[in-house]
Amino acid sequence: MRTIFPKKLKKGDKVMVIAPSDSLKLISKEIRSIANKRFTEMGLRLSFAKHVNELNEFDSSSIKSRVSDLHNAFSDKSVKAVFAVIGGLNCNQLLRYLNWNLIKKNPKILVGYSDTTALQNAIYAKTGLVTYSGPAYSSFGQKLYFDYTLEYFKKCIFDNKGFDILPSKTWSDDRWYSNQKNRKLIKNKGWLNINTGKAEGRILGANICTFNLLQGTEYFPDISNSILFLEDDAESMLGNFDRDMQSLIHLPNFNTVKGLVIGRFQNASKVKTKHLIRAIKSKTELNRIPVLANVDFGHTNPMITFPIGGKAQLVISNKKSTLKITKH
């Protein structure tokens, strides 16, 4: 299937917020106000889908409402990019009801992370359209320490040039959405080089437990010759990540995977460096490929934006490691 890269954003473009998982109703007025201002500062015209504020017992809305909003966002020629409100637990409910031909014929940017991983990888598998793992609409509501996230968002969404990823100087795992002023920053010790080597390949993955929901279905992308970008949230202890990783290794074409990039774990996961190294090293199937960890994406802040279906170049050595997004 031919890979489709959507047009990049430019000032004056209209973008739309949809709620494929959790509702906008869960997001505070303060966060919305800051996020709206950020979109305005980027020169973007922000709009909201019809059903984004619907809220049911699952913190979401009906499948019908969510599918309708997604279809309307993609069919509206004036909309150039679509943003998920936030993550959640249930956007995989939408997949069998989506009009894949409509999405393919109206290619545009889709940005989100966490639960949106299911929708993004399914879109790539069914249409060849590249989507973007990165800050959701609510992420733009961070008042402080958003510069790194915004920088890499712009590099990936506004510009066509390849770009190098560098580690952030500091990171956080605080409940910023509860207290915007009392932020706790942690000095970044840099990336963790687990296996050395070089790789070039197509980027797939993102949130690993969500990605694995697609296994065995028509919505799971072909991982041949890919570099997998994988992360998980605070609820994923090392054992959860380990078995999710093993599930991918059992796939018949995993032997063609070129490399592995692991996002930073949240503190609550209690994943220690030595334990992660031991878990990776214990899997003989991973010994042949370069593995890089503690990269700025996932459920900590800041985060990079990367293209699901795009391409990356990874070089890991004992002296210096580089990670470059080459096509997005």
C-alpha atoms as a PDB file:
ATOM      1  CA  MET A   1       0.000   0.000   0.000  1.00  0.00           C
ATOM      2  CA  ARG A   2       1.229   3.463  -0.923  1.00  0.00           C
ATOM      3  CA  THR A   3       2.180   5.692   2.011  1.00  0.00           C
ATOM      4  CA  ILE A   4       0.278   8.999   2.070  1.00  0.00           C
ATOM      5  CA  PHE A   5       1.802  12.021   3.795  1.00  0.00           C
ATOM      6  CA  PRO A   6      -0.761  14.726   4.601  1.00  0.00           C
ATOM      7  CA  LYS A   7      -0.018  18.364   3.821  1.00  0.00           C
ATOM      8  CA  LYS A   8       1.755  20.278   6.562  1.00  0.00           C
ATOM      9  CA  LEU A   9       0.036  23.011   8.517  1.00  0.00           C
ATOM     10  CA  LYS A  10       0.528  26.711   7.841  1.00  0.00           C
ATOM     11  CA  LYS A  11      -0.706  29.863   9.488  1.00  0.00           C
ATOM     12  CA  GLY A  12      -4.360  30.507   8.837  1.00  0.00           C
ATOM     13  CA  ASP A  13      -5.303  26.820   8.646  1.00  0.00           C
ATOM     14  CA  LYS A  14      -8.410  25.549  10.370  1.00  0.00           C
ATOM     15  CA  VAL A  15      -8.037  22.571  12.727  1.00  0.00           C
ATOM     16  CA  MET A  16     -10.690  20.551  14.550  1.00  0.00           C
ATOM     17  CA  VAL A  17     -10.754  18.882  17.960  1.00  0.00           C
ATOM     18  CA  ILE A  18     -12.574  15.545  18.233  1.00  0.00           C
ATOM     19  CA  ALA A  19     -13.060  13.142  21.151  1.00  0.00           C
ATOM     20  CA  PRO A  20     -12.357   9.615  19.861  1.00  0.00           C
ATOM     21  CA  SER A  21     -11.915   8.448  23.462  1.00  0.00           C
ATOM     22  CA  ASP A  22     -12.508  10.670  26.508  1.00  0.00           C
ATOM     23  CA  SER A  23     -14.774  13.696  26.396  1.00  0.00           C
ATOM     24  CA  LEU A  24     -13.779  17.361  26.315  1.00  0.00           C
ATOM     25  CA  LYS A  25     -16.157  17.742  29.255  1.00  0.00           C
ATOM     26  CA  LEU A  26     -13.383  16.311  31.481  1.00  0.00           C
ATOM     27  CA  ILE A  27     -10.977  19.146  30.616  1.00  0.00           C
ATOM     28  CA  SER A  28     -11.009  22.188  32.888  1.00  0.00           C
ATOM     29  CA  LYS A  29     -11.802  25.698  31.655  1.00  0.00           C
ATOM     30  CA  GLU A  30      -8.279  26.806  32.608  1.00  0.00           C
ATOM     31  CA  ILE A  31      -6.633  24.127  30.470  1.00  0.00           C
ATOM     32  CA  ARG A  32      -8.958  24.874  27.551  1.00  0.00           C
ATOM     33  CA  SER A  33      -8.205  28.583  27.788  1.00  0.00           C
ATOM     34  CA  ILE A  34      -4.431  28.045  27.702  1.00  0.00           C
ATOM     35  CA  ALA A  35      -4.704  25.495  24.887  1.00  0.00           C
ATOM     36  CA  ASN A  36      -6.923  27.783  22.804  1.00  0.00           C
ATOM     37  CA  LYS A  37      -4.437  30.615  23.222  1.00  0.00           C
ATOM     38  CA  ARG A  38      -1.567  28.388  22.081  1.00  0.00           C
ATOM     39  CA  PHE A  39      -3.390  27.411  18.899  1.00  0.00           C
ATOM     40  CA  THR A  40      -4.107  31.076  18.211  1.00  0.00           C
ATOM     41  CA  GLU A  41      -0.427  31.930  18.740  1.00  0.00           C
ATOM     42  CA  MET A  42       0.480  29.290  16.144  1.00  0.00           C
ATOM     43  CA  GLY A  43      -1.827  31.077  13.708  1.00  0.00           C
ATOM     44  CA  LEU A  44      -4.358  28.239  13.614  1.00  0.00           C
ATOM     45  CA  ARG A  45      -8.137  28.586  13.591  1.00  0.00           C
ATOM     46  CA  LEU A  46      -9.510  26.213  16.197  1.00  0.00           C
ATOM     47  CA  SER A  47     -12.883  24.480  15.925  1.00  0.00           C
ATOM     48  CA  PHE A  48     -14.631  21.745  17.881  1.00  0.00           C
ATOM     49  CA  ALA A  49     -16.630  18.780  16.638  1.00  0.00           C
ATOM     50  CA  LYS A  50     -20.357  18.636  17.407  1.00  0.00           C
ATOM     51  CA  HIS A  51     -20.253  15.890  20.036  1.00  0.00           C
ATOM     52  CA  VAL A  52     -16.969  16.577  21.882  1.00  0.00           C
ATOM     53  CA  ASN A  53     -18.741  17.569  25.114  1.00  0.00           C
ATOM     54  CA  GLU A  54     -20.994  14.537  25.339  1.00  0.00           C
ATOM     55  CA  LEU A  55     -20.242  12.481  28.444  1.00  0.00           C
ATOM     56  CA  ASN A  56     -21.391   8.997  29.448  1.00  0.00           C
ATOM     57  CA  GLU A  57     -20.519   6.527  32.201  1.00  0.00           C
ATOM     58  CA  PHE A  58     -17.294   5.637  30.384  1.00  0.00           C
ATOM     59  CA  ASP A  59     -16.070   9.282  30.341  1.00  0.00           C
ATOM     60  CA  SER A  60     -16.701   9.141  26.607  1.00  0.00           C
ATOM     61  CA  SER A  61     -19.702   9.310  24.264  1.00  0.00           C
ATOM     62  CA  SER A  62     -21.593   6.929  21.979  1.00  0.00           C
ATOM     63  CA  ILE A  63     -19.825   5.173  19.125  1.00  0.00           C
ATOM     64  CA  LYS A  64     -22.261   6.856  16.736  1.00  0.00           C
ATOM     65  CA  SER A  65     -21.336  10.347  17.986  1.00  0.00           C
ATOM     66  CA  ARG A  66     -17.599   9.719  17.864  1.00  0.00           C
ATOM     67  CA  VAL A  67     -17.687   8.162  14.400  1.00  0.00           C
ATOM     68  CA  SER A  68     -19.839  11.015  13.119  1.00  0.00           C
ATOM     69  CA  ASP A  69     -17.395  13.620  14.428  1.00  0.00           C
ATOM     70  CA  LEU A  70     -14.388  11.854  12.920  1.00  0.00           C
ATOM     71  CA  HIS A  71     -16.078  11.461   9.530  1.00  0.00           C
ATOM     72  CA  ASN A  72     -17.162  15.111   9.544  1.00  0.00           C
ATOM     73  CA  ALA A  73     -13.641  16.251  10.422  1.00  0.00           C
ATOM     74  CA  PHE A  74     -12.118  14.320   7.533  1.00  0.00           C
ATOM     75  CA  SER A  75     -14.810  15.183   4.987  1.00  0.00           C
ATOM     76  CA  ASP A  76     -14.726  18.926   5.776  1.00  0.00           C
ATOM     77  CA  LYS A  77     -12.363  20.362   3.155  1.00  0.00           C
ATOM     78  CA  SER A  78     -11.699  23.454   5.282  1.00  0.00           C
ATOM     79  CA  VAL A  79     -10.223  21.350   8.123  1.00  0.00           C
ATOM     80  CA  LYS A  80      -6.490  20.704   7.669  1.00  0.00           C
ATOM     81  CA  ALA A  81      -5.707  18.828  10.888  1.00  0.00           C
ATOM     82  CA  VAL A  82      -7.574  16.851  13.543  1.00  0.00           C
ATOM     83  CA  PHE A  83      -6.607  16.694  17.241  1.00  0.00           C
ATOM     84  CA  ALA A  84      -7.783  14.191  19.823  1.00  0.00           C
ATOM     85  CA  VAL A  85      -8.955  15.831  23.052  1.00  0.00           C
ATOM     86  CA  ILE A  86      -6.942  13.411  25.204  1.00  0.00           C
ATOM     87  CA  GLY A  87      -6.536   9.647  25.537  1.00  0.00           C
ATOM     88  CA  GLY A  88      -8.874   7.217  27.252  1.00  0.00           C
ATOM     89  CA  LEU A  89      -9.733   3.554  26.853  1.00  0.00           C
ATOM     90  CA  ASN A  90     -12.091   2.969  23.972  1.00  0.00           C
ATOM     91  CA  CYS A  91     -11.258   4.460  20.582  1.00  0.00           C
ATOM     92  CA  ASN A  92     -10.778   0.912  19.220  1.00  0.00           C
ATOM     93  CA  GLN A  93     -14.594   0.656  19.398  1.00  0.00           C
ATOM     94  CA  LEU A  94     -14.773   2.912  16.355  1.00  0.00           C
ATOM     95  CA  LEU A  95     -12.671   0.899  13.919  1.00  0.00           C
ATOM     96  CA  ARG A  96     -15.284  -1.384  12.339  1.00  0.00           C
ATOM     97  CA  TYR A  97     -17.605   1.581  11.752  1.00  0.00           C
ATOM     98  CA  LEU A  98     -15.141   3.894  10.007  1.00  0.00           C
ATOM     99  CA  ASN A  99     -15.329   4.784   6.326  1.00  0.00           C
ATOM    100  CA  TRP A 100     -11.718   4.067   5.387  1.00  0.00           C
ATOM    101  CA  ASN A 101     -12.213   5.217   1.815  1.00  0.00           C
ATOM    102  CA  LEU A 102     -13.412   8.614   3.046  1.00  0.00           C
ATOM    103  CA  ILE A 103     -10.301   8.973   5.218  1.00  0.00           C
ATOM    104  CA  LYS A 104      -8.000   7.885   2.391  1.00  0.00           C
ATOM    105  CA  LYS A 105      -9.569  10.314  -0.078  1.00  0.00           C
ATOM    106  CA  ASN A 106      -9.313  13.212   2.378  1.00  0.00           C
ATOM    107  CA  PRO A 107      -5.831  12.852   3.870  1.00  0.00           C
ATOM    108  CA  LYS A 108      -5.079  15.232   6.704  1.00  0.00           C
ATOM    109  CA  ILE A 109      -3.042  15.410   9.884  1.00  0.00           C
ATOM    110  CA  LEU A 110      -4.284  13.496  12.940  1.00  0.00           C
ATOM    111  CA  VAL A 111      -2.486  14.142  16.251  1.00  0.00           C
ATOM    112  CA  GLY A 112      -2.831  12.439  19.622  1.00  0.00           C
ATOM    113  CA  TYR A 113      -1.224   9.883  21.900  1.00  0.00           C
ATOM    114  CA  SER A 114      -2.027   7.094  24.374  1.00  0.00           C
ATOM    115  CA  ASP A 115      -5.386   5.506  23.433  1.00  0.00           C
ATOM    116  CA  THR A 116      -5.328   7.323  20.075  1.00  0.00           C
ATOM    117  CA  THR A 117      -2.542   4.858  19.153  1.00  0.00           C
ATOM    118  CA  ALA A 118      -5.196   2.308  18.117  1.00  0.00           C
ATOM    119  CA  LEU A 119      -6.861   4.737  15.732  1.00  0.00           C
ATOM    120  CA  GLN A 120      -3.570   5.989  14.308  1.00  0.00           C
ATOM    121  CA  ASN A 121      -2.040   2.604  13.533  1.00  0.00           C
ATOM    122  CA  ALA A 122      -5.353   1.328  12.162  1.00  0.00           C
ATOM    123  CA  ILE A 123      -5.584   4.316   9.819  1.00  0.00           C
ATOM    124  CA  TYR A 124      -2.090   3.602   8.540  1.00  0.00           C
ATOM    125  CA  ALA A 125      -2.855  -0.111   8.117  1.00  0.00           C
ATOM    126  CA  LYS A 126      -6.136   0.481   6.248  1.00  0.00           C
ATOM    127  CA  THR A 127      -5.289   3.563   4.178  1.00  0.00           C
ATOM    128  CA  GLY A 128      -1.522   4.192   4.187  1.00  0.00           C
ATOM    129  CA  LEU A 129      -2.107   7.638   5.729  1.00  0.00           C
ATOM    130  CA  VAL A 130       0.629   8.823   8.074  1.00  0.00           C
ATOM    131  CA  THR A 131      -0.635  10.109  11.433  1.00  0.00           C
ATOM    132  CA  TYR A 132       1.238  11.759  14.310  1.00  0.00           C
ATOM    133  CA  SER A 133       1.840  10.626  17.869  1.00  0.00           C
ATOM    134  CA  GLY A 134       2.217  13.815  19.847  1.00  0.00           C
ATOM    135  CA  PRO A 135       0.464  16.288  22.134  1.00  0.00           C
ATOM    136  CA  ALA A 136      -3.310  16.034  22.302  1.00  0.00           C
ATOM    137  CA  TYR A 137      -5.463  19.167  22.478  1.00  0.00           C
ATOM    138  CA  SER A 138      -5.389  19.048  26.282  1.00  0.00           C
ATOM    139  CA  SER A 139      -1.577  18.832  26.294  1.00  0.00           C
ATOM    140  CA  PHE A 140      -1.438  22.355  24.873  1.00  0.00           C
ATOM    141  CA  GLY A 141      -3.063  23.503  28.101  1.00  0.00           C
ATOM    142  CA  GLN A 142       0.202  23.202  30.059  1.00  0.00           C
ATOM    143  CA  LYS A 143       1.034  26.686  31.252  1.00  0.00           C
ATOM    144  CA  LEU A 144       4.713  26.032  32.061  1.00  0.00           C
ATOM    145  CA  TYR A 145       7.601  24.066  30.560  1.00  0.00           C
ATOM    146  CA  PHE A 146       5.927  23.387  27.218  1.00  0.00           C
ATOM    147  CA  ASP A 147       8.730  24.728  24.996  1.00  0.00           C
ATOM    148  CA  TYR A 148      10.348  21.382  24.105  1.00  0.00           C
ATOM    149  CA  THR A 149       7.002  19.776  23.261  1.00  0.00           C
ATOM    150  CA  LEU A 150       5.992  22.744  21.126  1.00  0.00           C
ATOM    151  CA  GLU A 151       9.355  22.841  19.327  1.00  0.00           C
ATOM    152  CA  TYR A 152       9.142  19.232  18.175  1.00  0.00           C
ATOM    153  CA  PHE A 153       5.467  19.534  17.360  1.00  0.00           C
ATOM    154  CA  LYS A 154       6.238  22.386  14.975  1.00  0.00           C
ATOM    155  CA  LYS A 155       9.182  20.529  13.418  1.00  0.00           C
ATOM    156  CA  CYS A 156       6.965  17.573  12.599  1.00  0.00           C
ATOM    157  CA  ILE A 157       3.659  19.258  11.744  1.00  0.00           C
ATOM    158  CA  PHE A 158       4.644  22.558  10.084  1.00  0.00           C
ATOM    159  CA  ASP A 159       7.920  21.637   8.346  1.00  0.00           C
ATOM    160  CA  ASN A 160       8.878  19.005   5.761  1.00  0.00           C
ATOM    161  CA  LYS A 161      12.567  18.756   6.647  1.00  0.00           C
ATOM    162  CA  GLY A 162      13.982  15.804   8.550  1.00  0.00           C
ATOM    163  CA  PHE A 163      15.048  16.601  12.090  1.00  0.00           C
ATOM    164  CA  ASP A 164      17.279  15.229  14.826  1.00  0.00           C
ATOM    165  CA  ILE A 165      15.772  14.406  18.186  1.00  0.00           C
ATOM    166  CA  LEU A 166      17.759  15.481  21.233  1.00  0.00           C
ATOM    167  CA  PRO A 167      17.000  14.605  24.869  1.00  0.00           C
ATOM    168  CA  SER A 168      15.181  17.243  26.894  1.00  0.00           C
ATOM    169  CA  LYS A 169      17.164  18.943  29.658  1.00  0.00           C
ATOM    170  CA  THR A 170      14.451  18.285  32.245  1.00  0.00           C
ATOM    171  CA  TRP A 171      11.253  16.270  32.435  1.00  0.00           C
ATOM    172  CA  SER A 172       8.244  15.940  34.703  1.00  0.00           C
ATOM    173  CA  ASP A 173       5.769  13.346  35.872  1.00  0.00           C
ATOM    174  CA  ASP A 174       3.591  15.604  37.987  1.00  0.00           C
ATOM    175  CA  ARG A 175      -0.146  16.211  37.935  1.00  0.00           C
ATOM    176  CA  TRP A 176       0.248  19.508  36.099  1.00  0.00           C
ATOM    177  CA  TYR A 177      -3.448  19.552  35.224  1.00  0.00           C
ATOM    178  CA  SER A 178      -4.316  19.786  38.930  1.00  0.00           C
ATOM    179  CA  ASN A 179      -1.826  22.512  39.842  1.00  0.00           C
ATOM    180  CA  GLN A 180      -0.273  24.514  37.008  1.00  0.00           C
ATOM    181  CA  LYS A 181       2.032  26.504  39.308  1.00  0.00           C
ATOM    182  CA  ASN A 182       3.501  23.782  41.499  1.00  0.00           C
ATOM    183  CA  ARG A 183       5.512  21.844  38.921  1.00  0.00           C
ATOM    184  CA  LYS A 184       8.289  19.423  39.798  1.00  0.00           C
ATOM    185  CA  LEU A 185      11.073  19.121  37.240  1.00  0.00           C
ATOM    186  CA  ILE A 186      13.568  16.251  37.099  1.00  0.00           C
ATOM    187  CA  LYS A 187      16.998  16.588  35.534  1.00  0.00           C
ATOM    188  CA  ASN A 188      17.246  14.401  32.445  1.00  0.00           C
ATOM    189  CA  LYS A 189      20.185  12.002  32.577  1.00  0.00           C
ATOM    190  CA  GLY A 190      19.843  11.394  28.844  1.00  0.00           C
ATOM    191  CA  TRP A 191      18.990   8.350  26.790  1.00  0.00           C
ATOM    192  CA  LEU A 192      19.657   4.785  27.843  1.00  0.00           C
ATOM    193  CA  ASN A 193      21.654   2.816  25.288  1.00  0.00           C
ATOM    194  CA  ILE A 194      20.641  -0.822  25.730  1.00  0.00           C
ATOM    195  CA  ASN A 195      21.784  -2.398  22.450  1.00  0.00           C
ATOM    196  CA  THR A 196      24.195  -0.762  20.006  1.00  0.00           C
ATOM    197  CA  GLY A 197      23.712  -0.766  16.240  1.00  0.00           C
ATOM    198  CA  LYS A 198      22.238   1.090  13.282  1.00  0.00           C
ATOM    199  CA  ALA A 199      18.746   0.981  11.806  1.00  0.00           C
ATOM    200  CA  GLU A 200      16.524   2.700   9.288  1.00  0.00           C
ATOM    201  CA  GLY A 201      12.868   1.890   9.033  1.00  0.00           C
ATOM    202  CA  ARG A 202       9.225   2.840   9.133  1.00  0.00           C
ATOM    203  CA  ILE A 203       7.912   4.061  12.478  1.00  0.00           C
ATOM    204  CA  LEU A 204       5.033   2.128  14.014  1.00  0.00           C
ATOM    205  CA  GLY A 205       3.621   1.699  17.493  1.00  0.00           C
ATOM    206  CA  ALA A 206       3.392   4.250  20.352  1.00  0.00           C
ATOM    207  CA  ASN A 207       1.400   3.097  23.409  1.00  0.00           C
ATOM    208  CA  ILE A 208       2.267  -0.608  23.514  1.00  0.00           C
ATOM    209  CA  CYS A 209      -0.781  -2.035  25.297  1.00  0.00           C
ATOM    210  CA  THR A 210      -3.075  -0.097  22.955  1.00  0.00           C
ATOM    211  CA  PHE A 211      -1.021  -1.098  19.913  1.00  0.00           C
ATOM    212  CA  ASN A 212      -1.375  -4.744  20.918  1.00  0.00           C
ATOM    213  CA  LEU A 213      -5.175  -4.448  20.939  1.00  0.00           C
ATOM    214  CA  LEU A 214      -4.920  -4.499  17.148  1.00  0.00           C
ATOM    215  CA  GLN A 215      -3.033  -7.795  16.914  1.00  0.00           C
ATOM    216  CA  GLY A 216      -4.868 -10.482  14.941  1.00  0.00           C
ATOM    217  CA  THR A 217      -7.184  -7.946  13.308  1.00  0.00           C
ATOM    218  CA  GLU A 218      -7.262  -6.258   9.925  1.00  0.00           C
ATOM    219  CA  TYR A 219      -6.269  -3.033  11.692  1.00  0.00           C
ATOM    220  CA  PHE A 220      -2.789  -4.138  12.754  1.00  0.00           C
ATOM    221  CA  PRO A 221      -0.076  -2.682  10.474  1.00  0.00           C
ATOM    222  CA  ASP A 222       2.630  -4.755   8.849  1.00  0.00           C
ATOM    223  CA  ILE A 223       5.650  -4.364  11.152  1.00  0.00           C
ATOM    224  CA  SER A 224       8.145  -5.635   8.560  1.00  0.00           C
ATOM    225  CA  ASN A 225      11.282  -3.456   8.357  1.00  0.00           C
ATOM    226  CA  SER A 226       9.958  -1.101  11.025  1.00  0.00           C
ATOM    227  CA  ILE A 227      11.471   0.744  13.947  1.00  0.00           C
ATOM    228  CA  LEU A 228       9.004   0.310  16.786  1.00  0.00           C
ATOM    229  CA  PHE A 229       8.425   3.290  19.089  1.00  0.00           C
ATOM    230  CA  LEU A 230       6.861   1.883  22.272  1.00  0.00           C
ATOM    231  CA  GLU A 231       5.836   3.287  25.674  1.00  0.00           C
ATOM    232  CA  ASP A 232       3.327   2.717  28.438  1.00  0.00           C
ATOM    233  CA  ASP A 233       1.677   4.633  31.267  1.00  0.00           C
ATOM    234  CA  ALA A 234       1.866   4.542  35.054  1.00  0.00           C
ATOM    235  CA  GLU A 235      -0.354   1.463  35.308  1.00  0.00           C
ATOM    236  CA  SER A 236       2.177  -0.599  33.375  1.00  0.00           C
ATOM    237  CA  MET A 237       4.711  -2.226  35.671  1.00  0.00           C
ATOM    238  CA  LEU A 238       7.772  -3.876  34.170  1.00  0.00           C
ATOM    239  CA  GLY A 239       5.934  -7.202  33.987  1.00  0.00           C
ATOM    240  CA  ASN A 240       3.163  -5.691  31.883  1.00  0.00           C
ATOM    241  CA  PHE A 241       5.607  -4.082  29.478  1.00  0.00           C
ATOM    242  CA  ASP A 242       7.615  -7.298  29.309  1.00  0.00           C
ATOM    243  CA  ARG A 243       4.657  -9.473  28.332  1.00  0.00           C
ATOM    244  CA  ASP A 244       3.350  -6.890  25.855  1.00  0.00           C
ATOM    245  CA  MET A 245       6.806  -6.830  24.270  1.00  0.00           C
ATOM    246  CA  GLN A 246       6.840 -10.634  24.184  1.00  0.00           C
ATOM    247  CA  SER A 247       3.497 -10.601  22.383  1.00  0.00           C
ATOM    248  CA  LEU A 248       5.076  -8.531  19.594  1.00  0.00           C
ATOM    249  CA  ILE A 249       8.117 -10.796  19.465  1.00  0.00           C
ATOM    250  CA  HIS A 250       5.823 -13.775  18.830  1.00  0.00           C
ATOM    251  CA  LEU A 251       4.578 -12.222  15.590  1.00  0.00           C
ATOM    252  CA  PRO A 252       5.805 -14.184  12.559  1.00  0.00           C
ATOM    253  CA  ASN A 253       7.503 -11.189  10.941  1.00  0.00           C
ATOM    254  CA  PHE A 254       9.113  -9.721  14.060  1.00  0.00           C
ATOM    255  CA  ASN A 255      12.463 -11.024  12.819  1.00  0.00           C
ATOM    256  CA  THR A 256      12.403  -8.216  10.226  1.00  0.00           C
ATOM    257  CA  VAL A 257      11.978  -5.395  12.773  1.00  0.00           C
ATOM    258  CA  LYS A 258      15.007  -3.088  12.516  1.00  0.00           C
ATOM    259  CA  GLY A 259      15.099  -1.305  15.876  1.00  0.00           C
ATOM    260  CA  LEU A 260      13.323  -0.404  19.080  1.00  0.00           C
ATOM    261  CA  VAL A 261      12.866   3.024  20.709  1.00  0.00           C
ATOM    262  CA  ILE A 262      11.310   3.018  24.191  1.00  0.00           C
ATOM    263  CA  GLY A 263       9.612   6.061  25.705  1.00  0.00           C
ATOM    264  CA  ARG A 264      10.227   7.178  29.273  1.00  0.00           C
ATOM    265  CA  PHE A 265       8.346   5.308  31.989  1.00  0.00           C
ATOM    266  CA  GLN A 266       6.342   7.154  34.621  1.00  0.00           C
ATOM    267  CA  ASN A 267       7.621   7.040  38.181  1.00  0.00           C
ATOM    268  CA  ALA A 268       4.569   5.135  39.409  1.00  0.00           C
ATOM    269  CA  SER A 269       5.451   2.215  37.133  1.00  0.00           C
ATOM    270  CA  LYS A 270       8.552   1.640  39.309  1.00  0.00           C
ATOM    271  CA  VAL A 271      10.509   0.508  36.260  1.00  0.00           C
ATOM    272  CA  LYS A 272      14.180   0.716  37.244  1.00  0.00           C
ATOM    273  CA  THR A 273      16.948   1.108  34.664  1.00  0.00           C
ATOM    274  CA  LYS A 274      18.727  -2.101  35.637  1.00  0.00           C
ATOM    275  CA  HIS A 275      15.485  -4.075  35.474  1.00  0.00           C
ATOM    276  CA  LEU A 276      14.580  -2.696  32.038  1.00  0.00           C
ATOM    277  CA  ILE A 277      18.047  -3.548  30.706  1.00  0.00           C
ATOM    278  CA  ARG A 278      17.778  -7.057  32.109  1.00  0.00           C
ATOM    279  CA  ALA A 279      14.317  -7.543  30.582  1.00  0.00           C
ATOM    280  CA  ILE A 280      15.481  -6.416  27.136  1.00  0.00           C
ATOM    281  CA  LYS A 281      18.750  -8.341  27.249  1.00  0.00           C
ATOM    282  CA  SER A 282      16.940 -11.527  28.273  1.00  0.00           C
ATOM    283  CA  LYS A 283      15.055 -11.597  24.961  1.00  0.00           C
ATOM    284  CA  THR A 284      17.392 -13.126  22.396  1.00  0.00           C
ATOM    285  CA  GLU A 285      15.180 -11.823  19.593  1.00  0.00           C
ATOM    286  CA  LEU A 286      16.117  -8.265  20.599  1.00  0.00           C
ATOM    287  CA  ASN A 287      19.859  -8.840  20.791  1.00  0.00           C
ATOM    288  CA  ARG A 288      20.234  -8.380  17.019  1.00  0.00           C
ATOM    289  CA  ILE A 289      18.699  -4.878  16.904  1.00  0.00           C
ATOM    290  CA  PRO A 290      19.586  -1.465  18.395  1.00  0.00           C
ATOM    291  CA  VAL A 291      17.476  -0.559  21.426  1.00  0.00           C
ATOM    292  CA  LEU A 292      17.247   2.963  22.840  1.00  0.00           C
ATOM    293  CA  ALA A 293      15.238   3.876  25.961  1.00  0.00           C
ATOM    294  CA  ASN A 294      14.200   6.905  28.065  1.00  0.00           C
ATOM    295  CA  VAL A 295      13.241   8.909  24.983  1.00  0.00           C
ATOM    296  CA  ASP A 296      10.872  11.871  25.434  1.00  0.00           C
ATOM    297  CA  PHE A 297       7.528  10.421  24.455  1.00  0.00           C
ATOM    298  CA  GLY A 298       4.685   8.687  26.228  1.00  0.00           C
ATOM    299  CA  HIS A 299       2.969   9.747  29.440  1.00  0.00           C
ATOM    300  CA  THR A 300       5.633  12.038  30.897  1.00  0.00           C
ATOM    301  CA  ASN A 301       6.408  15.587  29.785  1.00  0.00           C
ATOM    302  CA  PRO A 302       7.798  16.965  27.562  1.00  0.00           C
ATOM    303  CA  MET A 303       7.133  14.830  24.486  1.00  0.00           C
ATOM    304  CA  ILE A 304       8.272  14.691  20.906  1.00  0.00           C
ATOM    305  CA  THR A 305       5.916  14.365  17.945  1.00  0.00           C
ATOM    306  CA  PHE A 306       6.680  11.518  15.549  1.00  0.00           C
ATOM    307  CA  PRO A 307       4.996  10.160  12.393  1.00  0.00           C
ATOM    308  CA  ILE A 308       3.299   6.767  12.553  1.00  0.00           C
ATOM    309  CA  GLY A 309       4.052   5.471   9.077  1.00  0.00           C
ATOM    310  CA  GLY A 310       6.947   7.894   8.611  1.00  0.00           C
ATOM    311  CA  LYS A 311      10.610   6.948   8.725  1.00  0.00           C
ATOM    312  CA  ALA A 312      13.431   7.176  11.235  1.00  0.00           C
ATOM    313  CA  GLN A 313      17.164   6.575  11.425  1.00  0.00           C
ATOM    314  CA  LEU A 314      18.680   5.218  14.637  1.00  0.00           C
ATOM    315  CA  VAL A 315      22.377   4.952  15.493  1.00  0.00           C
ATOM    316  CA  ILE A 316      23.428   3.693  18.927  1.00  0.00           C
ATOM    317  CA  SER A 317      27.050   3.425  20.016  1.00  0.00           C
ATOM    318  CA  ASN A 318      28.901   3.468  23.305  1.00  0.00           C
ATOM    319  CA  LYS A 319      30.151   6.985  22.533  1.00  0.00           C
ATOM    320  CA  LYS A 320      27.218   8.729  20.880  1.00  0.00           C
ATOM    321  CA  SER A 321      23.667   7.903  19.878  1.00  0.00           C
ATOM    322  CA  THR A 322      21.502   9.700  17.326  1.00  0.00           C
ATOM    323  CA  LEU A 323      17.816   9.506  16.476  1.00  0.00           C
ATOM    324  CA  LYS A 324      16.512  11.289  13.398  1.00  0.00           C
ATOM    325  CA  ILE A 325      13.045  11.537  11.882  1.00  0.00           C
ATOM    326  CA  THR A 326      13.900  11.370   8.196  1.00  0.00           C
ATOM    327  CA  LYS A 327      10.477  11.410   6.548  1.00  0.00           C
ATOM    328  CA  HIS A 328       7.287  12.782   8.033  1.00  0.00           C
END
